[in-house]
Amino acid sequence: MDNIREEVKELQIGIKVRRLRQEKRLTLQALSDATGLSKPLLSQIENDQVIPPLATLLRISKALKVGIHSFFEEEGDSDKCILVRADQRRPLQRRHLPDHPVAAYTYHSLAYGRKHKHMEPFLVEFQQGQWHDELMVRHDGEEFLFLLSGELELHFGEQVMVLKPGDSVYYDSSEPHGYIARSSLPTQAVAVLYSKD
């Protein structure tokens, strides 16, 4: 957990959320109203106490009228090509909160630092667990996922699909969707999120 905290502080997602909120002259209450997220949760995100899952980060980015890439870019970086070495990936895992179910995955940005991206690629590591409907999320945009290892259960609307290594899925993420690992083996995928805004 300490390593994750350090990596989160290095990426400074919470600081970026606070800075963008203040630039837009929004109070925490106004951001809460716009996102449907509680003020305490937003405060914990801004203070780097909680790592938001991707769907939550997308809701915040939409409310702030910025792309999700804003949280993974570095100030002053305008490189046209970004190489992220395997040992430079920064894992982000949400801490459990009493009123929020624990996220069923850990994610690593695969292109942090690049400014003004239209896509946001991640390496996602899914945890095994029991499916529950609270894992369903929806947000504007599209997603592509390619399963590298393990076995993954995808819930998309009323459909349930099982993905095995080498399988991929592309879908409209404005439809309710969620994942859970089906085996105790490491379950990893490359996911690319595209937000229209």
N, C-alpha and C. Protein backbone atom coordinates (compact mmCIF):
# COMPACT_ATOMS: atom_id res chain seq x y z
N MET A 1 0.83 -1.20 0.00
CA MET A 1 0.00 0.00 0.00
C MET A 1 0.87 1.26 0.00
N ASP A 2 1.99 1.26 0.75
CA ASP A 2 2.86 2.43 0.78
C ASP A 2 3.44 2.73 -0.59
N ASN A 3 3.83 1.66 -1.34
CA ASN A 3 4.36 1.86 -2.68
C ASN A 3 3.31 2.50 -3.57
N ILE A 4 2.07 2.02 -3.46
CA ILE A 4 0.99 2.57 -4.27
C ILE A 4 0.79 4.04 -3.91
N ARG A 5 0.80 4.35 -2.62
CA ARG A 5 0.62 5.74 -2.20
C ARG A 5 1.70 6.63 -2.79
N GLU A 6 2.94 6.15 -2.75
CA GLU A 6 4.04 6.94 -3.30
C GLU A 6 3.86 7.16 -4.80
N GLU A 7 3.45 6.10 -5.51
CA GLU A 7 3.26 6.22 -6.95
C GLU A 7 2.11 7.17 -7.26
N VAL A 8 1.08 7.13 -6.42
CA VAL A 8 -0.05 8.02 -6.62
C VAL A 8 0.37 9.46 -6.39
N LYS A 9 1.16 9.69 -5.35
CA LYS A 9 1.63 11.04 -5.08
C LYS A 9 2.47 11.55 -6.24
N GLU A 10 3.26 10.65 -6.83
CA GLU A 10 4.10 11.03 -7.95
C GLU A 10 3.24 11.44 -9.15
N LEU A 11 2.16 10.71 -9.38
CA LEU A 11 1.28 11.01 -10.50
C LEU A 11 0.40 12.22 -10.20
N GLN A 12 0.09 12.44 -8.91
CA GLN A 12 -0.62 13.63 -8.44
C GLN A 12 -2.02 13.80 -9.05
N ILE A 13 -2.75 12.69 -9.15
CA ILE A 13 -4.11 12.78 -9.69
C ILE A 13 -4.97 13.69 -8.81
N GLY A 14 -4.89 13.52 -7.49
CA GLY A 14 -5.71 14.33 -6.59
C GLY A 14 -5.42 15.81 -6.71
N ILE A 15 -4.14 16.14 -6.80
CA ILE A 15 -3.74 17.55 -6.94
C ILE A 15 -4.29 18.12 -8.25
N LYS A 16 -4.25 17.30 -9.30
CA LYS A 16 -4.75 17.76 -10.60
C LYS A 16 -6.26 17.96 -10.56
N VAL A 17 -6.97 17.07 -9.86
CA VAL A 17 -8.42 17.23 -9.73
C VAL A 17 -8.72 18.55 -9.01
N ARG A 18 -8.02 18.79 -7.89
CA ARG A 18 -8.26 20.02 -7.12
C ARG A 18 -7.93 21.26 -7.95
N ARG A 19 -6.79 21.23 -8.64
CA ARG A 19 -6.38 22.39 -9.44
C ARG A 19 -7.40 22.70 -10.54
N LEU A 20 -7.85 21.64 -11.24
CA LEU A 20 -8.83 21.84 -12.31
C LEU A 20 -10.15 22.34 -11.75
N ARG A 21 -10.56 21.81 -10.60
CA ARG A 21 -11.81 22.26 -9.97
C ARG A 21 -11.72 23.73 -9.60
N GLN A 22 -10.57 24.13 -9.02
CA GLN A 22 -10.40 25.52 -8.62
C GLN A 22 -10.31 26.45 -9.84
N GLU A 23 -9.66 25.98 -10.91
CA GLU A 23 -9.58 26.78 -12.14
C GLU A 23 -10.96 27.04 -12.71
N LYS A 24 -11.86 26.06 -12.55
CA LYS A 24 -13.24 26.21 -13.04
C LYS A 24 -14.11 26.95 -12.03
N ARG A 25 -13.50 27.34 -10.91
CA ARG A 25 -14.20 28.05 -9.83
C ARG A 25 -15.40 27.26 -9.31
N LEU A 26 -15.18 25.95 -9.13
CA LEU A 26 -16.22 25.08 -8.60
C LEU A 26 -15.91 24.73 -7.14
N THR A 27 -16.94 24.71 -6.32
CA THR A 27 -16.79 24.21 -4.96
C THR A 27 -16.84 22.69 -5.00
N LEU A 28 -16.45 22.06 -3.90
CA LEU A 28 -16.58 20.60 -3.81
C LEU A 28 -18.04 20.21 -3.96
N GLN A 29 -18.95 21.02 -3.40
CA GLN A 29 -20.38 20.72 -3.50
C GLN A 29 -20.85 20.78 -4.95
N ALA A 30 -20.36 21.76 -5.70
CA ALA A 30 -20.75 21.88 -7.11
C ALA A 30 -20.23 20.69 -7.92
N LEU A 31 -19.00 20.26 -7.62
CA LEU A 31 -18.45 19.10 -8.31
C LEU A 31 -19.21 17.83 -7.91
N SER A 32 -19.59 17.76 -6.65
CA SER A 32 -20.40 16.63 -6.17
C SER A 32 -21.73 16.58 -6.91
N ASP A 33 -22.37 17.73 -7.06
CA ASP A 33 -23.66 17.79 -7.77
C ASP A 33 -23.50 17.38 -9.23
N ALA A 34 -22.39 17.81 -9.85
CA ALA A 34 -22.18 17.54 -11.28
C ALA A 34 -21.82 16.08 -11.55
N THR A 35 -21.18 15.43 -10.58
CA THR A 35 -20.71 14.06 -10.80
C THR A 35 -21.60 13.01 -10.15
N GLY A 36 -22.38 13.41 -9.14
CA GLY A 36 -23.15 12.44 -8.37
C GLY A 36 -22.29 11.72 -7.34
N LEU A 37 -21.05 12.19 -7.14
CA LEU A 37 -20.15 11.60 -6.15
C LEU A 37 -20.24 12.41 -4.86
N SER A 38 -20.04 11.75 -3.73
CA SER A 38 -20.17 12.45 -2.44
C SER A 38 -19.01 13.41 -2.22
N LYS A 39 -19.29 14.47 -1.44
CA LYS A 39 -18.22 15.43 -1.09
C LYS A 39 -17.07 14.75 -0.35
N PRO A 40 -17.36 13.86 0.63
CA PRO A 40 -16.24 13.20 1.32
C PRO A 40 -15.36 12.39 0.36
N LEU A 41 -15.97 11.70 -0.60
CA LEU A 41 -15.19 10.92 -1.55
C LEU A 41 -14.32 11.84 -2.40
N LEU A 42 -14.90 12.94 -2.90
CA LEU A 42 -14.13 13.88 -3.71
C LEU A 42 -12.98 14.48 -2.91
N SER A 43 -13.23 14.79 -1.65
CA SER A 43 -12.18 15.33 -0.79
C SER A 43 -11.05 14.32 -0.61
N GLN A 44 -11.40 13.05 -0.42
CA GLN A 44 -10.37 12.01 -0.25
C GLN A 44 -9.59 11.82 -1.55
N ILE A 45 -10.26 11.95 -2.70
CA ILE A 45 -9.55 11.85 -3.98
C ILE A 45 -8.56 13.01 -4.11
N GLU A 46 -9.03 14.23 -3.80
CA GLU A 46 -8.17 15.41 -3.93
C GLU A 46 -6.97 15.36 -2.99
N ASN A 47 -7.13 14.69 -1.86
CA ASN A 47 -6.05 14.58 -0.88
C ASN A 47 -5.21 13.31 -1.07
N ASP A 48 -5.40 12.62 -2.22
CA ASP A 48 -4.65 11.41 -2.55
C ASP A 48 -4.80 10.31 -1.50
N GLN A 49 -5.95 10.30 -0.81
CA GLN A 49 -6.23 9.22 0.14
C GLN A 49 -6.93 8.06 -0.54
N VAL A 50 -7.58 8.36 -1.66
CA VAL A 50 -8.36 7.36 -2.39
C VAL A 50 -8.00 7.47 -3.86
N ILE A 51 -7.79 6.33 -4.49
CA ILE A 51 -7.54 6.29 -5.92
C ILE A 51 -8.86 6.00 -6.61
N PRO A 52 -9.35 6.91 -7.44
CA PRO A 52 -10.64 6.66 -8.08
C PRO A 52 -10.54 5.61 -9.17
N PRO A 53 -11.54 4.75 -9.28
CA PRO A 53 -11.55 3.83 -10.43
C PRO A 53 -11.76 4.64 -11.70
N LEU A 54 -11.50 4.04 -12.84
CA LEU A 54 -11.54 4.76 -14.10
C LEU A 54 -12.90 5.39 -14.38
N ALA A 55 -13.98 4.68 -14.08
CA ALA A 55 -15.31 5.23 -14.34
C ALA A 55 -15.54 6.51 -13.53
N THR A 56 -15.06 6.53 -12.29
CA THR A 56 -15.19 7.72 -11.44
C THR A 56 -14.36 8.86 -12.00
N LEU A 57 -13.14 8.56 -12.44
CA LEU A 57 -12.27 9.57 -13.03
C LEU A 57 -12.90 10.15 -14.29
N LEU A 58 -13.58 9.31 -15.06
CA LEU A 58 -14.26 9.79 -16.27
C LEU A 58 -15.41 10.73 -15.90
N ARG A 59 -16.13 10.41 -14.84
CA ARG A 59 -17.23 11.30 -14.40
C ARG A 59 -16.67 12.65 -13.96
N ILE A 60 -15.54 12.63 -13.26
CA ILE A 60 -14.93 13.88 -12.83
C ILE A 60 -14.43 14.68 -14.03
N SER A 61 -13.79 13.99 -14.98
CA SER A 61 -13.26 14.70 -16.15
C SER A 61 -14.39 15.33 -16.96
N LYS A 62 -15.52 14.63 -17.07
CA LYS A 62 -16.65 15.18 -17.82
C LYS A 62 -17.20 16.41 -17.11
N ALA A 63 -17.34 16.34 -15.79
CA ALA A 63 -17.86 17.47 -15.02
C ALA A 63 -16.92 18.68 -15.11
N LEU A 64 -15.62 18.42 -15.20
CA LEU A 64 -14.64 19.51 -15.30
C LEU A 64 -14.40 19.93 -16.74
N LYS A 65 -15.05 19.21 -17.69
CA LYS A 65 -14.92 19.49 -19.12
C LYS A 65 -13.47 19.39 -19.61
N VAL A 66 -12.80 18.33 -19.17
CA VAL A 66 -11.45 18.03 -19.64
C VAL A 66 -11.40 16.55 -20.03
N GLY A 67 -10.44 16.17 -20.83
CA GLY A 67 -10.27 14.77 -21.18
C GLY A 67 -9.64 14.00 -20.03
N ILE A 68 -9.87 12.70 -19.99
CA ILE A 68 -9.29 11.88 -18.91
C ILE A 68 -7.77 11.94 -18.96
N HIS A 69 -7.21 12.22 -20.14
CA HIS A 69 -5.75 12.31 -20.28
C HIS A 69 -5.17 13.39 -19.37
N SER A 70 -5.99 14.38 -18.99
CA SER A 70 -5.50 15.47 -18.14
C SER A 70 -4.90 14.97 -16.83
N PHE A 71 -5.38 13.82 -16.36
CA PHE A 71 -4.91 13.30 -15.07
C PHE A 71 -3.64 12.46 -15.21
N PHE A 72 -3.26 12.14 -16.45
CA PHE A 72 -2.09 11.28 -16.67
C PHE A 72 -0.99 11.97 -17.47
N GLU A 73 -1.12 13.28 -17.67
CA GLU A 73 -0.08 13.99 -18.39
C GLU A 73 0.76 14.78 -17.42
N GLU A 74 1.98 15.07 -17.84
CA GLU A 74 2.89 15.80 -16.98
C GLU A 74 3.03 17.22 -17.50
N GLU A 75 3.18 18.15 -16.57
CA GLU A 75 3.25 19.56 -16.93
C GLU A 75 4.41 19.81 -17.90
N GLY A 76 4.12 20.59 -18.92
CA GLY A 76 5.17 21.01 -19.84
C GLY A 76 5.65 19.93 -20.78
N ASP A 77 5.06 18.75 -20.74
CA ASP A 77 5.51 17.65 -21.59
C ASP A 77 4.74 17.69 -22.90
N SER A 78 5.45 17.89 -24.01
CA SER A 78 4.77 17.95 -25.30
C SER A 78 5.40 16.98 -26.29
N ASP A 79 6.03 15.92 -25.78
CA ASP A 79 6.63 14.93 -26.66
C ASP A 79 5.58 14.33 -27.57
N LYS A 80 5.96 14.09 -28.81
CA LYS A 80 5.03 13.48 -29.76
C LYS A 80 5.06 11.96 -29.67
N CYS A 81 6.06 11.42 -28.99
CA CYS A 81 6.17 9.97 -28.82
C CYS A 81 6.58 9.69 -27.38
N ILE A 82 5.85 8.84 -26.72
CA ILE A 82 6.14 8.49 -25.32
C ILE A 82 6.42 7.00 -25.23
N LEU A 83 7.57 6.65 -24.68
CA LEU A 83 7.91 5.25 -24.43
C LEU A 83 7.81 5.03 -22.93
N VAL A 84 6.99 4.07 -22.52
CA VAL A 84 6.85 3.73 -21.10
C VAL A 84 7.43 2.33 -20.91
N ARG A 85 8.55 2.24 -20.22
CA ARG A 85 9.19 0.96 -19.95
C ARG A 85 8.38 0.18 -18.92
N ALA A 86 8.50 -1.14 -18.98
CA ALA A 86 7.74 -2.01 -18.07
C ALA A 86 7.95 -1.63 -16.61
N ASP A 87 9.18 -1.27 -16.25
CA ASP A 87 9.46 -0.95 -14.85
C ASP A 87 9.09 0.49 -14.49
N GLN A 88 8.54 1.24 -15.45
CA GLN A 88 8.13 2.61 -15.18
C GLN A 88 6.62 2.75 -15.02
N ARG A 89 5.89 1.65 -15.20
CA ARG A 89 4.43 1.72 -15.06
C ARG A 89 4.07 2.07 -13.63
N ARG A 90 2.97 2.79 -13.47
CA ARG A 90 2.55 3.25 -12.15
C ARG A 90 1.20 2.63 -11.83
N PRO A 91 1.17 1.63 -10.94
CA PRO A 91 -0.12 0.99 -10.65
C PRO A 91 -0.99 1.86 -9.76
N LEU A 92 -2.28 1.89 -10.06
CA LEU A 92 -3.24 2.64 -9.27
C LEU A 92 -4.33 1.69 -8.83
N GLN A 93 -4.53 1.58 -7.54
CA GLN A 93 -5.57 0.69 -7.02
C GLN A 93 -6.38 1.45 -5.99
N ARG A 94 -7.67 1.39 -6.13
CA ARG A 94 -8.53 2.12 -5.22
C ARG A 94 -8.55 1.45 -3.86
N ARG A 95 -8.44 2.27 -2.81
CA ARG A 95 -8.61 1.76 -1.45
C ARG A 95 -10.09 1.58 -1.16
N HIS A 96 -10.40 0.60 -0.33
CA HIS A 96 -11.79 0.31 0.01
C HIS A 96 -12.35 1.39 0.93
N LEU A 97 -13.57 1.81 0.64
CA LEU A 97 -14.29 2.73 1.50
C LEU A 97 -15.56 2.03 1.98
N PRO A 98 -16.01 2.31 3.20
CA PRO A 98 -17.18 1.61 3.74
C PRO A 98 -18.41 1.73 2.84
N ASP A 99 -18.62 2.93 2.23
CA ASP A 99 -19.84 3.11 1.44
C ASP A 99 -19.61 2.91 -0.06
N HIS A 100 -18.44 2.41 -0.43
CA HIS A 100 -18.17 2.13 -1.84
C HIS A 100 -17.54 0.75 -1.96
N PRO A 101 -18.06 -0.11 -2.83
CA PRO A 101 -17.47 -1.44 -2.98
C PRO A 101 -16.04 -1.32 -3.51
N VAL A 102 -15.20 -2.26 -3.11
CA VAL A 102 -13.81 -2.23 -3.55
C VAL A 102 -13.76 -2.48 -5.06
N ALA A 103 -12.89 -1.74 -5.73
CA ALA A 103 -12.75 -1.91 -7.17
C ALA A 103 -12.21 -3.30 -7.46
N ALA A 104 -12.64 -3.86 -8.59
CA ALA A 104 -12.25 -5.22 -8.93
C ALA A 104 -11.02 -5.24 -9.82
N TYR A 105 -10.25 -4.14 -9.82
CA TYR A 105 -9.08 -4.09 -10.68
C TYR A 105 -8.06 -3.07 -10.18
N THR A 106 -6.85 -3.23 -10.68
CA THR A 106 -5.77 -2.25 -10.53
C THR A 106 -5.44 -1.79 -11.94
N TYR A 107 -5.14 -0.52 -12.14
CA TYR A 107 -4.81 -0.08 -13.49
C TYR A 107 -3.50 0.69 -13.54
N HIS A 108 -2.79 0.55 -14.65
CA HIS A 108 -1.51 1.21 -14.89
C HIS A 108 -1.64 2.03 -16.17
N SER A 109 -1.36 3.31 -16.12
CA SER A 109 -1.38 4.11 -17.34
C SER A 109 -0.20 3.69 -18.21
N LEU A 110 -0.48 3.44 -19.49
CA LEU A 110 0.58 3.03 -20.42
C LEU A 110 1.07 4.18 -21.29
N ALA A 111 0.53 5.37 -21.06
CA ALA A 111 0.99 6.52 -21.86
C ALA A 111 0.96 7.79 -21.03
N TYR A 112 1.26 7.66 -19.72
CA TYR A 112 1.25 8.87 -18.90
C TYR A 112 2.35 9.80 -19.40
N GLY A 113 2.09 11.07 -19.27
CA GLY A 113 3.07 12.06 -19.72
C GLY A 113 2.68 12.68 -21.05
N ARG A 114 2.05 11.93 -21.93
CA ARG A 114 1.68 12.47 -23.25
C ARG A 114 0.49 13.39 -23.10
N LYS A 115 0.63 14.61 -23.60
CA LYS A 115 -0.46 15.58 -23.49
C LYS A 115 -1.42 15.45 -24.67
N HIS A 116 -2.65 15.85 -24.44
CA HIS A 116 -3.66 15.97 -25.49
C HIS A 116 -3.90 14.67 -26.25
N LYS A 117 -3.98 13.57 -25.51
CA LYS A 117 -4.30 12.28 -26.14
C LYS A 117 -5.79 12.19 -26.38
N HIS A 118 -6.18 11.44 -27.40
CA HIS A 118 -7.59 11.15 -27.63
C HIS A 118 -7.96 9.78 -27.05
N MET A 119 -6.93 8.95 -26.83
CA MET A 119 -7.14 7.62 -26.25
C MET A 119 -6.33 7.54 -24.96
N GLU A 120 -6.76 6.70 -24.04
CA GLU A 120 -6.00 6.48 -22.81
C GLU A 120 -5.82 4.97 -22.62
N PRO A 121 -4.59 4.47 -22.87
CA PRO A 121 -4.35 3.02 -22.73
C PRO A 121 -3.90 2.65 -21.32
N PHE A 122 -4.37 1.49 -20.86
CA PHE A 122 -4.03 1.01 -19.52
C PHE A 122 -3.71 -0.48 -19.57
N LEU A 123 -2.85 -0.91 -18.65
CA LEU A 123 -2.73 -2.32 -18.32
C LEU A 123 -3.62 -2.51 -17.10
N VAL A 124 -4.56 -3.43 -17.18
CA VAL A 124 -5.51 -3.63 -16.10
C VAL A 124 -5.31 -5.02 -15.51
N GLU A 125 -5.23 -5.09 -14.18
CA GLU A 125 -5.11 -6.37 -13.47
C GLU A 125 -6.40 -6.55 -12.66
N PHE A 126 -7.13 -7.60 -12.98
CA PHE A 126 -8.43 -7.84 -12.35
C PHE A 126 -8.28 -8.79 -11.17
N GLN A 127 -9.07 -8.53 -10.11
CA GLN A 127 -9.08 -9.39 -8.94
C GLN A 127 -10.25 -10.36 -9.02
N GLN A 128 -10.01 -11.55 -8.52
CA GLN A 128 -11.09 -12.54 -8.45
C GLN A 128 -12.04 -12.13 -7.33
N GLY A 129 -13.29 -12.41 -7.52
CA GLY A 129 -14.26 -12.08 -6.48
C GLY A 129 -15.65 -12.48 -6.91
N GLN A 130 -16.62 -12.11 -6.11
CA GLN A 130 -18.02 -12.40 -6.41
C GLN A 130 -18.60 -11.23 -7.20
N TRP A 131 -19.37 -11.55 -8.23
CA TRP A 131 -20.02 -10.50 -8.99
C TRP A 131 -21.14 -9.87 -8.17
N HIS A 132 -21.24 -8.55 -8.22
CA HIS A 132 -22.41 -7.85 -7.68
C HIS A 132 -22.67 -6.64 -8.57
N ASP A 133 -23.91 -6.23 -8.63
CA ASP A 133 -24.32 -5.21 -9.59
C ASP A 133 -23.65 -3.86 -9.37
N GLU A 134 -23.12 -3.63 -8.16
CA GLU A 134 -22.43 -2.35 -7.91
C GLU A 134 -21.16 -2.21 -8.75
N LEU A 135 -20.69 -3.30 -9.35
CA LEU A 135 -19.51 -3.24 -10.21
C LEU A 135 -19.84 -2.67 -11.59
N MET A 136 -21.14 -2.54 -11.90
CA MET A 136 -21.54 -1.97 -13.19
C MET A 136 -21.30 -0.47 -13.20
N VAL A 137 -20.72 0.02 -14.29
CA VAL A 137 -20.48 1.45 -14.46
C VAL A 137 -20.91 1.84 -15.87
N ARG A 138 -21.03 3.12 -16.10
CA ARG A 138 -21.30 3.62 -17.45
C ARG A 138 -20.71 5.02 -17.55
N HIS A 139 -20.22 5.37 -18.72
CA HIS A 139 -19.64 6.69 -18.95
C HIS A 139 -19.57 6.91 -20.45
N ASP A 140 -19.51 8.15 -20.86
CA ASP A 140 -19.44 8.46 -22.29
C ASP A 140 -18.18 7.88 -22.90
N GLY A 141 -18.26 7.50 -24.15
CA GLY A 141 -17.08 7.06 -24.89
C GLY A 141 -17.16 5.62 -25.33
N GLU A 142 -16.01 5.10 -25.70
CA GLU A 142 -15.88 3.73 -26.17
C GLU A 142 -14.68 3.09 -25.48
N GLU A 143 -14.71 1.76 -25.40
CA GLU A 143 -13.59 1.03 -24.79
C GLU A 143 -13.23 -0.17 -25.64
N PHE A 144 -11.96 -0.49 -25.61
CA PHE A 144 -11.45 -1.70 -26.25
C PHE A 144 -10.64 -2.44 -25.19
N LEU A 145 -10.82 -3.75 -25.11
CA LEU A 145 -10.08 -4.55 -24.13
C LEU A 145 -9.56 -5.82 -24.81
N PHE A 146 -8.30 -6.12 -24.61
CA PHE A 146 -7.67 -7.35 -25.12
C PHE A 146 -7.15 -8.12 -23.93
N LEU A 147 -7.65 -9.34 -23.72
CA LEU A 147 -7.26 -10.13 -22.56
C LEU A 147 -5.93 -10.84 -22.82
N LEU A 148 -4.97 -10.59 -21.92
CA LEU A 148 -3.64 -11.18 -22.03
C LEU A 148 -3.54 -12.51 -21.30
N SER A 149 -4.14 -12.59 -20.10
CA SER A 149 -4.04 -13.81 -19.31
C SER A 149 -5.23 -13.94 -18.37
N GLY A 150 -5.47 -15.16 -17.91
CA GLY A 150 -6.57 -15.42 -16.98
C GLY A 150 -7.88 -15.61 -17.71
N GLU A 151 -8.96 -15.47 -16.96
CA GLU A 151 -10.31 -15.62 -17.51
C GLU A 151 -11.15 -14.50 -16.91
N LEU A 152 -11.86 -13.77 -17.77
CA LEU A 152 -12.56 -12.57 -17.34
C LEU A 152 -14.03 -12.65 -17.70
N GLU A 153 -14.87 -12.27 -16.75
CA GLU A 153 -16.31 -12.23 -16.99
C GLU A 153 -16.71 -10.78 -17.23
N LEU A 154 -17.29 -10.50 -18.39
CA LEU A 154 -17.76 -9.17 -18.75
C LEU A 154 -19.28 -9.14 -18.69
N HIS A 155 -19.81 -8.21 -17.93
CA HIS A 155 -21.24 -7.96 -17.90
C HIS A 155 -21.47 -6.69 -18.71
N PHE A 156 -22.27 -6.80 -19.78
CA PHE A 156 -22.56 -5.66 -20.64
C PHE A 156 -24.07 -5.60 -20.83
N GLY A 157 -24.70 -4.62 -20.20
CA GLY A 157 -26.16 -4.58 -20.21
C GLY A 157 -26.69 -5.87 -19.58
N GLU A 158 -27.50 -6.59 -20.31
CA GLU A 158 -28.06 -7.85 -19.83
C GLU A 158 -27.19 -9.05 -20.20
N GLN A 159 -26.16 -8.82 -21.02
CA GLN A 159 -25.31 -9.92 -21.49
C GLN A 159 -24.19 -10.23 -20.50
N VAL A 160 -23.80 -11.51 -20.45
CA VAL A 160 -22.62 -11.93 -19.69
C VAL A 160 -21.74 -12.71 -20.65
N MET A 161 -20.49 -12.26 -20.80
CA MET A 161 -19.54 -12.91 -21.71
C MET A 161 -18.30 -13.33 -20.93
N VAL A 162 -17.72 -14.45 -21.32
CA VAL A 162 -16.48 -14.91 -20.70
C VAL A 162 -15.36 -14.75 -21.72
N LEU A 163 -14.32 -14.01 -21.34
CA LEU A 163 -13.17 -13.79 -22.21
C LEU A 163 -12.02 -14.67 -21.76
N LYS A 164 -11.32 -15.24 -22.73
CA LYS A 164 -10.13 -16.04 -22.48
C LYS A 164 -8.95 -15.35 -23.16
N PRO A 165 -7.71 -15.72 -22.81
CA PRO A 165 -6.55 -15.04 -23.40
C PRO A 165 -6.63 -14.99 -24.93
N GLY A 166 -6.37 -13.81 -25.46
CA GLY A 166 -6.44 -13.59 -26.90
C GLY A 166 -7.77 -13.03 -27.35
N ASP A 167 -8.81 -13.12 -26.50
CA ASP A 167 -10.11 -12.55 -26.85
C ASP A 167 -10.06 -11.04 -26.66
N SER A 168 -10.87 -10.36 -27.44
CA SER A 168 -10.97 -8.91 -27.29
C SER A 168 -12.42 -8.49 -27.41
N VAL A 169 -12.70 -7.30 -26.90
CA VAL A 169 -14.06 -6.77 -26.96
C VAL A 169 -13.97 -5.26 -27.14
N TYR A 170 -14.87 -4.73 -27.96
CA TYR A 170 -14.95 -3.29 -28.22
C TYR A 170 -16.41 -2.90 -27.99
N TYR A 171 -16.66 -1.88 -27.18
CA TYR A 171 -18.04 -1.57 -26.86
C TYR A 171 -18.26 -0.10 -26.54
N ASP A 172 -19.52 0.27 -26.61
CA ASP A 172 -19.98 1.61 -26.25
C ASP A 172 -20.05 1.65 -24.72
N SER A 173 -19.20 2.47 -24.10
CA SER A 173 -19.14 2.46 -22.64
C SER A 173 -20.24 3.29 -21.98
N SER A 174 -21.15 3.86 -22.79
CA SER A 174 -22.30 4.53 -22.19
C SER A 174 -23.36 3.51 -21.74
N GLU A 175 -23.16 2.25 -22.17
CA GLU A 175 -24.01 1.16 -21.69
C GLU A 175 -23.42 0.63 -20.37
N PRO A 176 -24.27 0.18 -19.43
CA PRO A 176 -23.74 -0.37 -18.17
C PRO A 176 -22.84 -1.58 -18.44
N HIS A 177 -21.66 -1.59 -17.80
CA HIS A 177 -20.72 -2.68 -17.99
C HIS A 177 -19.85 -2.86 -16.75
N GLY A 178 -19.29 -4.06 -16.61
CA GLY A 178 -18.41 -4.34 -15.49
C GLY A 178 -17.70 -5.66 -15.69
N TYR A 179 -16.60 -5.83 -14.96
CA TYR A 179 -15.77 -7.03 -15.11
C TYR A 179 -15.49 -7.65 -13.75
N ILE A 180 -15.21 -8.95 -13.79
CA ILE A 180 -14.68 -9.65 -12.60
C ILE A 180 -13.85 -10.83 -13.10
N ALA A 181 -12.71 -11.06 -12.45
CA ALA A 181 -11.87 -12.22 -12.81
C ALA A 181 -12.58 -13.49 -12.38
N ARG A 182 -12.49 -14.53 -13.22
CA ARG A 182 -13.16 -15.80 -12.90
C ARG A 182 -12.20 -16.85 -12.36
N SER A 183 -10.91 -16.57 -12.34
CA SER A 183 -9.97 -17.57 -11.83
C SER A 183 -8.95 -16.88 -10.92
N SER A 184 -8.27 -17.68 -10.13
CA SER A 184 -7.27 -17.13 -9.23
C SER A 184 -5.96 -16.86 -9.97
N LEU A 185 -5.86 -17.29 -11.21
CA LEU A 185 -4.66 -17.00 -12.01
C LEU A 185 -4.61 -15.51 -12.31
N PRO A 186 -3.40 -14.96 -12.50
CA PRO A 186 -3.32 -13.53 -12.84
C PRO A 186 -4.17 -13.23 -14.08
N THR A 187 -5.03 -12.26 -13.96
CA THR A 187 -5.92 -11.88 -15.06
C THR A 187 -5.58 -10.46 -15.47
N GLN A 188 -4.96 -10.33 -16.64
CA GLN A 188 -4.49 -9.03 -17.11
C GLN A 188 -5.02 -8.75 -18.52
N ALA A 189 -5.25 -7.46 -18.79
CA ALA A 189 -5.72 -7.05 -20.11
C ALA A 189 -5.14 -5.69 -20.44
N VAL A 190 -5.04 -5.42 -21.71
CA VAL A 190 -4.76 -4.06 -22.18
C VAL A 190 -6.11 -3.45 -22.53
N ALA A 191 -6.40 -2.29 -21.95
CA ALA A 191 -7.66 -1.59 -22.20
C ALA A 191 -7.36 -0.21 -22.74
N VAL A 192 -8.12 0.20 -23.72
CA VAL A 192 -7.99 1.55 -24.27
C VAL A 192 -9.33 2.26 -24.14
N LEU A 193 -9.32 3.41 -23.48
CA LEU A 193 -10.53 4.20 -23.32
C LEU A 193 -10.47 5.39 -24.27
N TYR A 194 -11.58 5.63 -24.93
CA TYR A 194 -11.70 6.78 -25.81
C TYR A 194 -12.88 7.60 -25.34
N SER A 195 -12.63 8.86 -25.04
CA SER A 195 -13.71 9.74 -24.61
C SER A 195 -13.96 10.75 -25.71
N LYS A 196 -15.22 10.91 -26.06
CA LYS A 196 -15.57 11.80 -27.19
C LYS A 196 -15.33 13.26 -26.84
N ASP A 197 -15.38 13.60 -25.58
CA ASP A 197 -15.22 15.02 -25.20
C ASP A 197 -13.76 15.35 -24.98
